[in-house]
Amino acid sequence: MQASLLGISEGAPVLSLERVTRDQHGRLFEYTWAIYRGDRYRLVSHLTLDGPPDEVTPRVTPTL
């Protein structure tokens, strides 16, 4: 079903993202699941060994 909605053939590569957001008490208040066409987006992530893990900010950008 997702392939037809995205206008791609069944089995084509996709980027699937899942996000869970919690409040200050650890309670879930938002859940998001998104699928993007694999030929239209690029995932860029800069990793470092310095600092805490929460400083890593991946970005998803459309390709032109």
C-alpha atoms as a PDB file:
ATOM      1  CA  MET A   1       0.000   0.000   0.000  1.00  0.00           C
ATOM      2  CA  GLN A   2       2.779   2.491   0.895  1.00  0.00           C
ATOM      3  CA  ALA A   3       4.528   1.878  -2.442  1.00  0.00           C
ATOM      4  CA  SER A   4       1.461   2.910  -4.424  1.00  0.00           C
ATOM      5  CA  LEU A   5       0.967   6.012  -2.256  1.00  0.00           C
ATOM      6  CA  LEU A   6       4.599   7.001  -2.844  1.00  0.00           C
ATOM      7  CA  GLY A   7       4.392   6.295  -6.576  1.00  0.00           C
ATOM      8  CA  ILE A   8       7.119   3.625  -6.522  1.00  0.00           C
ATOM      9  CA  SER A   9       7.217  -0.079  -7.307  1.00  0.00           C
ATOM     10  CA  GLU A  10       6.790  -2.695  -4.597  1.00  0.00           C
ATOM     11  CA  GLY A  11      10.199  -3.532  -3.073  1.00  0.00           C
ATOM     12  CA  ALA A  12      11.832  -0.207  -4.035  1.00  0.00           C
ATOM     13  CA  PRO A  13      14.172   1.215  -1.360  1.00  0.00           C
ATOM     14  CA  VAL A  14      12.603   3.565   1.183  1.00  0.00           C
ATOM     15  CA  LEU A  15      13.725   5.514   4.221  1.00  0.00           C
ATOM     16  CA  SER A  16      11.652   4.583   7.259  1.00  0.00           C
ATOM     17  CA  LEU A  17      11.845   6.866  10.313  1.00  0.00           C
ATOM     18  CA  GLU A  18      10.319   6.288  13.717  1.00  0.00           C
ATOM     19  CA  ARG A  19      10.286   8.946  16.417  1.00  0.00           C
ATOM     20  CA  VAL A  20       9.168   8.626  20.027  1.00  0.00           C
ATOM     21  CA  THR A  21       8.878  11.751  22.177  1.00  0.00           C
ATOM     22  CA  ARG A  22       8.600  11.579  25.946  1.00  0.00           C
ATOM     23  CA  ASP A  23       7.914  14.193  28.603  1.00  0.00           C
ATOM     24  CA  GLN A  24      10.189  15.011  31.544  1.00  0.00           C
ATOM     25  CA  HIS A  25       8.732  12.027  33.449  1.00  0.00           C
ATOM     26  CA  GLY A  26       9.459   9.560  30.654  1.00  0.00           C
ATOM     27  CA  ARG A  27       5.825   9.241  29.553  1.00  0.00           C
ATOM     28  CA  LEU A  28       5.225   8.816  25.850  1.00  0.00           C
ATOM     29  CA  PHE A  29       3.215  11.661  24.330  1.00  0.00           C
ATOM     30  CA  GLU A  30       4.075  11.514  20.637  1.00  0.00           C
ATOM     31  CA  TYR A  31       4.813   8.703  18.203  1.00  0.00           C
ATOM     32  CA  THR A  32       5.574   9.285  14.525  1.00  0.00           C
ATOM     33  CA  TRP A  33       6.302   6.786  11.780  1.00  0.00           C
ATOM     34  CA  ALA A  34       7.148   8.079   8.314  1.00  0.00           C
ATOM     35  CA  ILE A  35       8.230   6.461   5.051  1.00  0.00           C
ATOM     36  CA  TYR A  36      10.076   8.476   2.401  1.00  0.00           C
ATOM     37  CA  ARG A  37      11.035   7.516  -1.149  1.00  0.00           C
ATOM     38  CA  GLY A  38      14.624   6.309  -1.194  1.00  0.00           C
ATOM     39  CA  ASP A  39      15.420   8.184  -4.408  1.00  0.00           C
ATOM     40  CA  ARG A  40      14.290  11.589  -3.135  1.00  0.00           C
ATOM     41  CA  TYR A  41      16.010  11.976   0.243  1.00  0.00           C
ATOM     42  CA  ARG A  42      19.484  11.673   1.676  1.00  0.00           C
ATOM     43  CA  LEU A  43      20.253  10.968   5.317  1.00  0.00           C
ATOM     44  CA  VAL A  44      23.211  12.952   6.689  1.00  0.00           C
ATOM     45  CA  SER A  45      24.559  12.252  10.154  1.00  0.00           C
ATOM     46  CA  HIS A  46      27.690  13.693  11.749  1.00  0.00           C
ATOM     47  CA  LEU A  47      29.053  11.434  14.486  1.00  0.00           C
ATOM     48  CA  THR A  48      31.682  12.361  17.036  1.00  0.00           C
ATOM     49  CA  LEU A  49      33.331  10.705  20.018  1.00  0.00           C
ATOM     50  CA  ASP A  50      33.384  14.011  21.912  1.00  0.00           C
ATOM     51  CA  GLY A  51      30.509  15.036  24.149  1.00  0.00           C
ATOM     52  CA  PRO A  52      27.292  13.270  25.114  1.00  0.00           C
ATOM     53  CA  PRO A  53      25.283  11.301  22.502  1.00  0.00           C
ATOM     54  CA  ASP A  54      22.442  13.864  22.506  1.00  0.00           C
ATOM     55  CA  GLU A  55      24.710  16.270  20.595  1.00  0.00           C
ATOM     56  CA  VAL A  56      24.389  14.128  17.437  1.00  0.00           C
ATOM     57  CA  THR A  57      21.756  15.673  15.151  1.00  0.00           C
ATOM     58  CA  PRO A  58      20.910  13.678  12.016  1.00  0.00           C
ATOM     59  CA  ARG A  59      19.241  15.557   9.158  1.00  0.00           C
ATOM     60  CA  VAL A  60      17.057  14.295   6.331  1.00  0.00           C
ATOM     61  CA  THR A  61      17.135  16.561   3.304  1.00  0.00           C
ATOM     62  CA  PRO A  62      15.388  16.347  -0.062  1.00  0.00           C
ATOM     63  CA  THR A  63      17.641  15.651  -3.016  1.00  0.00           C
ATOM     64  CA  LEU A  64      17.172  17.873  -6.044  1.00  0.00           C
END
